[in-house]
PDB file of N, CA and C in Angstrom:
ATOM      1  N   UNK A   1       5.758 -54.342 -26.234  1.00  0.00           N
ATOM      2  CA  UNK A   1       6.355 -53.199 -25.931  1.00  0.00           C
ATOM      3  C   UNK A   1       7.508 -54.169 -25.577  1.00  0.00           C
ATOM      4  N   UNK A   2       8.738 -53.858 -25.461  1.00  0.00           N
ATOM      5  CA  UNK A   2      10.030 -54.391 -24.989  1.00  0.00           C
ATOM      6  C   UNK A   2      11.083 -53.832 -24.448  1.00  0.00           C
ATOM      7  N   UNK A   3      12.059 -54.808 -24.599  1.00  0.00           N
ATOM      8  CA  UNK A   3      12.763 -54.066 -22.499  1.00  0.00           C
ATOM      9  C   UNK A   3      13.844 -53.163 -23.457  1.00  0.00           C
ATOM     10  N   UNK A   4      14.047 -51.750 -23.021  1.00  0.00           N
ATOM     11  CA  UNK A   4      15.731 -51.245 -23.206  1.00  0.00           C
ATOM     12  C   UNK A   4      16.912 -51.907 -23.241  1.00  0.00           C
ATOM     13  N   UNK A   5      17.646 -51.426 -24.542  1.00  0.00           N
ATOM     14  CA  UNK A   5      18.378 -52.337 -23.689  1.00  0.00           C
ATOM     15  C   UNK A   5      19.644 -52.448 -23.102  1.00  0.00           C
ATOM     16  N   UNK A   6      19.544 -50.898 -22.024  1.00  0.00           N
ATOM     17  CA  UNK A   6      20.376 -50.564 -21.053  1.00  0.00           C
ATOM     18  C   UNK A   6      19.219 -51.745 -19.901  1.00  0.00           C
ATOM     19  N   UNK A   7      17.782 -52.128 -19.489  1.00  0.00           N
ATOM     20  CA  UNK A   7      17.837 -52.984 -18.414  1.00  0.00           C
ATOM     21  C   UNK A   7      17.172 -54.444 -18.723  1.00  0.00           C
ATOM     22  N   UNK A   8      17.893 -54.375 -20.413  1.00  0.00           N
ATOM     23  CA  UNK A   8      18.269 -55.582 -21.053  1.00  0.00           C
ATOM     24  C   UNK A   8      19.876 -56.370 -20.642  1.00  0.00           C
ATOM     25  N   UNK A   9      20.885 -55.388 -20.511  1.00  0.00           N
ATOM     26  CA  UNK A   9      22.606 -55.829 -20.195  1.00  0.00           C
ATOM     27  C   UNK A   9      22.007 -55.586 -18.633  1.00  0.00           C
ATOM     28  N   UNK A  10      21.207 -54.864 -17.875  1.00  0.00           N
ATOM     29  CA  UNK A  10      21.258 -55.245 -16.134  1.00  0.00           C
ATOM     30  C   UNK A  10      20.746 -56.819 -15.600  1.00  0.00           C
ATOM     31  N   UNK A  11      20.001 -56.908 -16.879  1.00  0.00           N
ATOM     32  CA  UNK A  11      19.480 -59.267 -16.505  1.00  0.00           C
ATOM     33  C   UNK A  11      20.343 -59.754 -17.152  1.00  0.00           C
ATOM     34  N   UNK A  12      21.045 -59.278 -18.087  1.00  0.00           N
ATOM     35  CA  UNK A  12      22.152 -60.326 -18.308  1.00  0.00           C
ATOM     36  C   UNK A  12      23.322 -59.894 -17.385  1.00  0.00           C
ATOM     37  N   UNK A  13      23.787 -59.139 -16.683  1.00  0.00           N
ATOM     38  CA  UNK A  13      24.753 -58.714 -15.402  1.00  0.00           C
ATOM     39  C   UNK A  13      24.615 -59.411 -14.704  1.00  0.00           C
ATOM     40  N   UNK A  14      23.288 -59.907 -14.365  1.00  0.00           N
ATOM     41  CA  UNK A  14      22.608 -60.343 -12.996  1.00  0.00           C
ATOM     42  C   UNK A  14      22.541 -61.420 -13.411  1.00  0.00           C
ATOM     43  N   UNK A  15      22.186 -62.344 -14.192  1.00  0.00           N
ATOM     44  CA  UNK A  15      22.068 -63.823 -14.714  1.00  0.00           C
ATOM     45  C   UNK A  15      23.183 -64.378 -15.145  1.00  0.00           C
ATOM     46  N   UNK A  16      24.982 -63.377 -14.912  1.00  0.00           N
ATOM     47  CA  UNK A  16      26.165 -64.306 -14.941  1.00  0.00           C
ATOM     48  C   UNK A  16      26.353 -64.292 -13.853  1.00  0.00           C
ATOM     49  N   UNK A  17      25.544 -63.726 -12.401  1.00  0.00           N
ATOM     50  CA  UNK A  17      26.464 -63.680 -11.502  1.00  0.00           C
ATOM     51  C   UNK A  17      25.767 -65.115 -10.704  1.00  0.00           C
ATOM     52  N   UNK A  18      24.540 -65.639 -11.106  1.00  0.00           N
ATOM     53  CA  UNK A  18      24.198 -66.836 -11.166  1.00  0.00           C
ATOM     54  C   UNK A  18      24.005 -68.158 -11.106  1.00  0.00           C
ATOM     55  N   UNK A  19      23.425 -69.195 -10.364  1.00  0.00           N
ATOM     56  CA  UNK A  19      23.291 -70.248 -11.370  1.00  0.00           C
ATOM     57  C   UNK A  19      22.291 -70.009 -11.981  1.00  0.00           C
ATOM     58  N   UNK A  20      22.536 -71.200 -13.319  1.00  0.00           N
ATOM     59  CA  UNK A  20      21.352 -71.261 -13.835  1.00  0.00           C
ATOM     60  C   UNK A  20      20.211 -71.322 -13.301  1.00  0.00           C
ATOM     61  N   UNK A  21      20.154 -71.903 -12.122  1.00  0.00           N
ATOM     62  CA  UNK A  21      19.018 -71.713 -11.570  1.00  0.00           C
ATOM     63  C   UNK A  21      18.989 -72.546  -9.952  1.00  0.00           C
ATOM     64  N   UNK A  22      17.705 -71.354  -9.235  1.00  0.00           N
ATOM     65  CA  UNK A  22      17.401 -71.335  -8.000  1.00  0.00           C
ATOM     66  C   UNK A  22      17.593 -72.647  -7.877  1.00  0.00           C
ATOM     67  N   UNK A  23      17.303 -73.770  -7.909  1.00  0.00           N
ATOM     68  CA  UNK A  23      16.761 -74.851  -7.130  1.00  0.00           C
ATOM     69  C   UNK A  23      17.579 -75.456  -6.376  1.00  0.00           C
ATOM     70  N   UNK A  24      18.357 -76.306  -5.271  1.00  0.00           N
ATOM     71  CA  UNK A  24      19.462 -76.347  -4.204  1.00  0.00           C
ATOM     72  C   UNK A  24      19.108 -77.569  -3.772  1.00  0.00           C
ATOM     73  N   UNK A  25      18.157 -78.995  -4.393  1.00  0.00           N
ATOM     74  CA  UNK A  25      18.135 -79.508  -4.533  1.00  0.00           C
ATOM     75  C   UNK A  25      17.310 -80.478  -2.995  1.00  0.00           C
ATOM     76  N   UNK A  26      16.278 -79.486  -2.525  1.00  0.00           N
ATOM     77  CA  UNK A  26      15.739 -79.919  -1.264  1.00  0.00           C
ATOM     78  C   UNK A  26      14.469 -78.946  -1.342  1.00  0.00           C
ATOM     79  N   UNK A  27      13.873 -80.136  -2.453  1.00  0.00           N
ATOM     80  CA  UNK A  27      12.141 -80.087  -3.512  1.00  0.00           C
ATOM     81  C   UNK A  27      11.478 -80.763  -2.138  1.00  0.00           C
ATOM     82  N   UNK A  28      10.495 -79.187  -1.974  1.00  0.00           N
ATOM     83  CA  UNK A  28       9.400 -80.055  -0.940  1.00  0.00           C
ATOM     84  C   UNK A  28       8.291 -78.526  -1.585  1.00  0.00           C
ATOM     85  N   UNK A  29       7.416 -79.213  -1.613  1.00  0.00           N
ATOM     86  CA  UNK A  29       6.353 -78.572  -1.600  1.00  0.00           C
ATOM     87  C   UNK A  29       5.023 -79.422  -0.967  1.00  0.00           C
ATOM     88  N   UNK A  30       4.542 -80.241  -0.191  1.00  0.00           N
ATOM     89  CA  UNK A  30       4.466 -80.913   0.912  1.00  0.00           C
ATOM     90  C   UNK A  30       3.267 -79.473   1.111  1.00  0.00           C
ATOM     91  N   UNK A  31       3.219 -78.274   2.176  1.00  0.00           N
ATOM     92  CA  UNK A  31       2.238 -77.951   2.303  1.00  0.00           C
ATOM     93  C   UNK A  31       1.671 -76.944   1.908  1.00  0.00           C
ATOM     94  N   UNK A  32       2.386 -76.161   0.383  1.00  0.00           N
ATOM     95  CA  UNK A  32       1.341 -75.452  -0.790  1.00  0.00           C
ATOM     96  C   UNK A  32       2.305 -75.206  -2.046  1.00  0.00           C
ATOM     97  N   UNK A  33       1.766 -74.472  -2.502  1.00  0.00           N
ATOM     98  CA  UNK A  33       2.499 -73.861  -3.932  1.00  0.00           C
ATOM     99  C   UNK A  33       4.207 -74.086  -3.865  1.00  0.00           C
ATOM    100  N   UNK A  34       4.402 -73.495  -2.550  1.00  0.00           N
ATOM    101  CA  UNK A  34       5.788 -72.776  -3.044  1.00  0.00           C
ATOM    102  C   UNK A  34       7.189 -74.237  -2.571  1.00  0.00           C
ATOM    103  N   UNK A  35       7.949 -74.563  -3.286  1.00  0.00           N
ATOM    104  CA  UNK A  35       9.226 -74.960  -2.667  1.00  0.00           C
ATOM    105  C   UNK A  35       9.659 -74.409  -2.326  1.00  0.00           C
ATOM    106  N   UNK A  36       9.472 -75.206  -1.210  1.00  0.00           N
ATOM    107  CA  UNK A  36      10.683 -74.801   1.001  1.00  0.00           C
ATOM    108  C   UNK A  36      12.284 -74.964   0.373  1.00  0.00           C
ATOM    109  N   UNK A  37      12.461 -75.418  -1.375  1.00  0.00           N
ATOM    110  CA  UNK A  37      14.419 -75.257  -1.236  1.00  0.00           C
ATOM    111  C   UNK A  37      14.762 -74.296  -1.765  1.00  0.00           C
ATOM    112  N   UNK A  38      13.907 -73.594  -3.391  1.00  0.00           N
ATOM    113  CA  UNK A  38      14.454 -72.981  -3.970  1.00  0.00           C
ATOM    114  C   UNK A  38      13.229 -71.547  -3.744  1.00  0.00           C
ATOM    115  N   UNK A  39      12.382 -71.689  -3.036  1.00  0.00           N
ATOM    116  CA  UNK A  39      11.833 -70.619  -2.750  1.00  0.00           C
ATOM    117  C   UNK A  39      10.526 -70.423  -4.101  1.00  0.00           C
ATOM    118  N   UNK A  40      10.370 -71.235  -5.475  1.00  0.00           N
ATOM    119  CA  UNK A  40       9.474 -71.117  -7.031  1.00  0.00           C
ATOM    120  C   UNK A  40       8.504 -71.483  -6.607  1.00  0.00           C
ATOM    121  N   UNK A  41       7.735 -71.359  -7.405  1.00  0.00           N
ATOM    122  CA  UNK A  41       5.867 -71.559  -7.320  1.00  0.00           C
ATOM    123  C   UNK A  41       5.748 -73.445  -7.635  1.00  0.00           C
ATOM    124  N   UNK A  42       5.326 -74.128  -7.700  1.00  0.00           N
ATOM    125  CA  UNK A  42       5.257 -75.092  -8.564  1.00  0.00           C
ATOM    126  C   UNK A  42       5.627 -74.950 -10.061  1.00  0.00           C
ATOM    127  N   UNK A  43       4.963 -73.760 -10.431  1.00  0.00           N
ATOM    128  CA  UNK A  43       4.489 -73.219 -12.056  1.00  0.00           C
ATOM    129  C   UNK A  43       5.954 -72.727 -12.686  1.00  0.00           C
ATOM    130  N   UNK A  44       6.545 -71.616 -11.391  1.00  0.00           N
ATOM    131  CA  UNK A  44       7.613 -71.164 -12.255  1.00  0.00           C
ATOM    132  C   UNK A  44       8.611 -72.862 -12.311  1.00  0.00           C
ATOM    133  N   UNK A  45       8.548 -73.513 -11.701  1.00  0.00           N
ATOM    134  CA  UNK A  45       9.473 -74.721 -11.147  1.00  0.00           C
ATOM    135  C   UNK A  45       8.944 -75.067 -12.566  1.00  0.00           C
ATOM    136  N   UNK A  46       8.331 -75.856 -13.040  1.00  0.00           N
ATOM    137  CA  UNK A  46       7.305 -76.450 -14.426  1.00  0.00           C
ATOM    138  C   UNK A  46       8.446 -75.378 -15.274  1.00  0.00           C
ATOM    139  N   UNK A  47       8.074 -74.080 -15.692  1.00  0.00           N
ATOM    140  CA  UNK A  47       8.702 -73.660 -16.514  1.00  0.00           C
ATOM    141  C   UNK A  47       9.596 -72.813 -16.648  1.00  0.00           C
ATOM    142  N   UNK A  48      10.059 -72.771 -15.846  1.00  0.00           N
ATOM    143  CA  UNK A  48      11.800 -72.757 -16.224  1.00  0.00           C
ATOM    144  C   UNK A  48      12.691 -72.389 -17.210  1.00  0.00           C
ATOM    145  N   UNK A  49      12.722 -73.654 -17.393  1.00  0.00           N
ATOM    146  CA  UNK A  49      13.173 -73.955 -18.452  1.00  0.00           C
ATOM    147  C   UNK A  49      12.953 -73.159 -19.894  1.00  0.00           C
ATOM    148  N   UNK A  50      11.957 -72.969 -20.226  1.00  0.00           N
ATOM    149  CA  UNK A  50      10.765 -71.988 -21.282  1.00  0.00           C
ATOM    150  C   UNK A  50      10.989 -70.637 -20.570  1.00  0.00           C
ATOM    151  N   UNK A  51      11.409 -70.451 -19.543  1.00  0.00           N
ATOM    152  CA  UNK A  51      11.332 -68.205 -19.247  1.00  0.00           C
ATOM    153  C   UNK A  51      12.332 -67.678 -19.984  1.00  0.00           C
ATOM    154  N   UNK A  52      11.929 -66.308 -20.527  1.00  0.00           N
ATOM    155  CA  UNK A  52      12.637 -65.841 -20.785  1.00  0.00           C
ATOM    156  C   UNK A  52      14.100 -65.661 -19.744  1.00  0.00           C
ATOM    157  N   UNK A  53      15.265 -65.209 -20.038  1.00  0.00           N
ATOM    158  CA  UNK A  53      16.069 -64.168 -18.975  1.00  0.00           C
ATOM    159  C   UNK A  53      15.195 -63.293 -17.690  1.00  0.00           C
ATOM    160  N   UNK A  54      14.210 -62.190 -19.026  1.00  0.00           N
ATOM    161  CA  UNK A  54      13.519 -60.542 -17.725  1.00  0.00           C
ATOM    162  C   UNK A  54      12.669 -62.007 -16.778  1.00  0.00           C
ATOM    163  N   UNK A  55      12.077 -63.399 -16.986  1.00  0.00           N
ATOM    164  CA  UNK A  55      10.960 -63.342 -16.457  1.00  0.00           C
ATOM    165  C   UNK A  55      11.478 -63.776 -14.972  1.00  0.00           C
ATOM    166  N   UNK A  56      12.682 -65.237 -15.723  1.00  0.00           N
ATOM    167  CA  UNK A  56      13.364 -65.388 -15.072  1.00  0.00           C
ATOM    168  C   UNK A  56      14.688 -64.594 -13.280  1.00  0.00           C
ATOM    169  N   UNK A  57      14.770 -63.167 -13.720  1.00  0.00           N
ATOM    170  CA  UNK A  57      15.311 -62.178 -13.017  1.00  0.00           C
ATOM    171  C   UNK A  57      14.244 -61.949 -12.015  1.00  0.00           C
ATOM    172  N   UNK A  58      12.911 -61.781 -12.530  1.00  0.00           N
ATOM    173  CA  UNK A  58      11.971 -61.382 -11.688  1.00  0.00           C
ATOM    174  C   UNK A  58      12.093 -62.627 -10.629  1.00  0.00           C
ATOM    175  N   UNK A  59      11.805 -63.665 -10.904  1.00  0.00           N
ATOM    176  CA  UNK A  59      11.584 -64.706  -9.379  1.00  0.00           C
ATOM    177  C   UNK A  59      13.180 -64.741  -9.029  1.00  0.00           C
ATOM    178  N   UNK A  60      14.092 -64.440  -9.484  1.00  0.00           N
ATOM    179  CA  UNK A  60      15.496 -64.412  -8.856  1.00  0.00           C
ATOM    180  C   UNK A  60      14.920 -63.031  -7.666  1.00  0.00           C
ATOM    181  N   UNK A  61      14.665 -62.188  -8.329  1.00  0.00           N
ATOM    182  CA  UNK A  61      14.692 -61.230  -7.290  1.00  0.00           C
ATOM    183  C   UNK A  61      13.730 -61.328  -6.472  1.00  0.00           C
ATOM    184  N   UNK A  62      12.539 -62.152  -6.472  1.00  0.00           N
ATOM    185  CA  UNK A  62      11.292 -62.683  -5.638  1.00  0.00           C
ATOM    186  C   UNK A  62      11.539 -63.296  -4.580  1.00  0.00           C
ATOM    187  N   UNK A  63      12.102 -64.590  -4.819  1.00  0.00           N
ATOM    188  CA  UNK A  63      12.883 -65.497  -4.127  1.00  0.00           C
ATOM    189  C   UNK A  63      13.703 -64.977  -2.992  1.00  0.00           C
ATOM    190  N   UNK A  64      15.167 -64.150  -3.469  1.00  0.00           N
ATOM    191  CA  UNK A  64      15.920 -63.875  -3.179  1.00  0.00           C
ATOM    192  C   UNK A  64      15.984 -62.742  -1.891  1.00  0.00           C
ATOM    193  N   UNK A  65      14.801 -61.521  -2.230  1.00  0.00           N
ATOM    194  CA  UNK A  65      13.515 -61.175  -0.978  1.00  0.00           C
ATOM    195  C   UNK A  65      13.390 -61.219   0.047  1.00  0.00           C
ATOM    196  N   UNK A  66      13.031 -62.797  -0.353  1.00  0.00           N
ATOM    197  CA  UNK A  66      11.966 -64.163   0.372  1.00  0.00           C
ATOM    198  C   UNK A  66      12.664 -64.851   1.794  1.00  0.00           C
ATOM    199  N   UNK A  67      14.219 -64.449   0.856  1.00  0.00           N
ATOM    200  CA  UNK A  67      15.537 -65.852   1.894  1.00  0.00           C
ATOM    201  C   UNK A  67      15.780 -66.651   1.148  1.00  0.00           C
ATOM    202  N   UNK A  68      15.037 -67.533  -0.186  1.00  0.00           N
ATOM    203  CA  UNK A  68      15.839 -67.945  -0.943  1.00  0.00           C
ATOM    204  C   UNK A  68      16.925 -67.546  -1.690  1.00  0.00           C
ATOM    205  N   UNK A  69      17.735 -68.948  -2.466  1.00  0.00           N
ATOM    206  CA  UNK A  69      17.425 -70.858  -1.910  1.00  0.00           C
ATOM    207  C   UNK A  69      17.837 -70.711  -0.525  1.00  0.00           C
ATOM    208  N   UNK A  70      17.175 -72.200   0.220  1.00  0.00           N
ATOM    209  CA  UNK A  70      17.750 -72.537   0.899  1.00  0.00           C
ATOM    210  C   UNK A  70      18.001 -73.875   1.234  1.00  0.00           C
ATOM    211  N   UNK A  71      19.355 -73.925   1.760  1.00  0.00           N
ATOM    212  CA  UNK A  71      19.549 -75.724   1.835  1.00  0.00           C
ATOM    213  C   UNK A  71      19.217 -76.233   2.948  1.00  0.00           C
ATOM    214  N   UNK A  72      18.922 -75.847   3.898  1.00  0.00           N
ATOM    215  CA  UNK A  72      18.753 -76.380   5.487  1.00  0.00           C
ATOM    216  C   UNK A  72      17.295 -75.958   5.958  1.00  0.00           C
ATOM    217  N   UNK A  73      15.576 -76.137   5.241  1.00  0.00           N
ATOM    218  CA  UNK A  73      14.460 -76.143   5.320  1.00  0.00           C
ATOM    219  C   UNK A  73      14.025 -76.834   6.666  1.00  0.00           C
TER     220      UNK A  73
END
């Protein structure tokens, strides 16, 4: 199943307004599998470069809703 052209356009527009990565160089997964700086899981950080735009958008939406990325943790 492929995304509709308008969905792909919305993802591309959102991505154009954001940095390439949510990383804020405040990396810490000391107590769980979620980085306290960017809010991504260890797996999301590891696979970020190979994720397509739609998958990255899903992560961006979740971390923004949770109040990430955070520069001061």
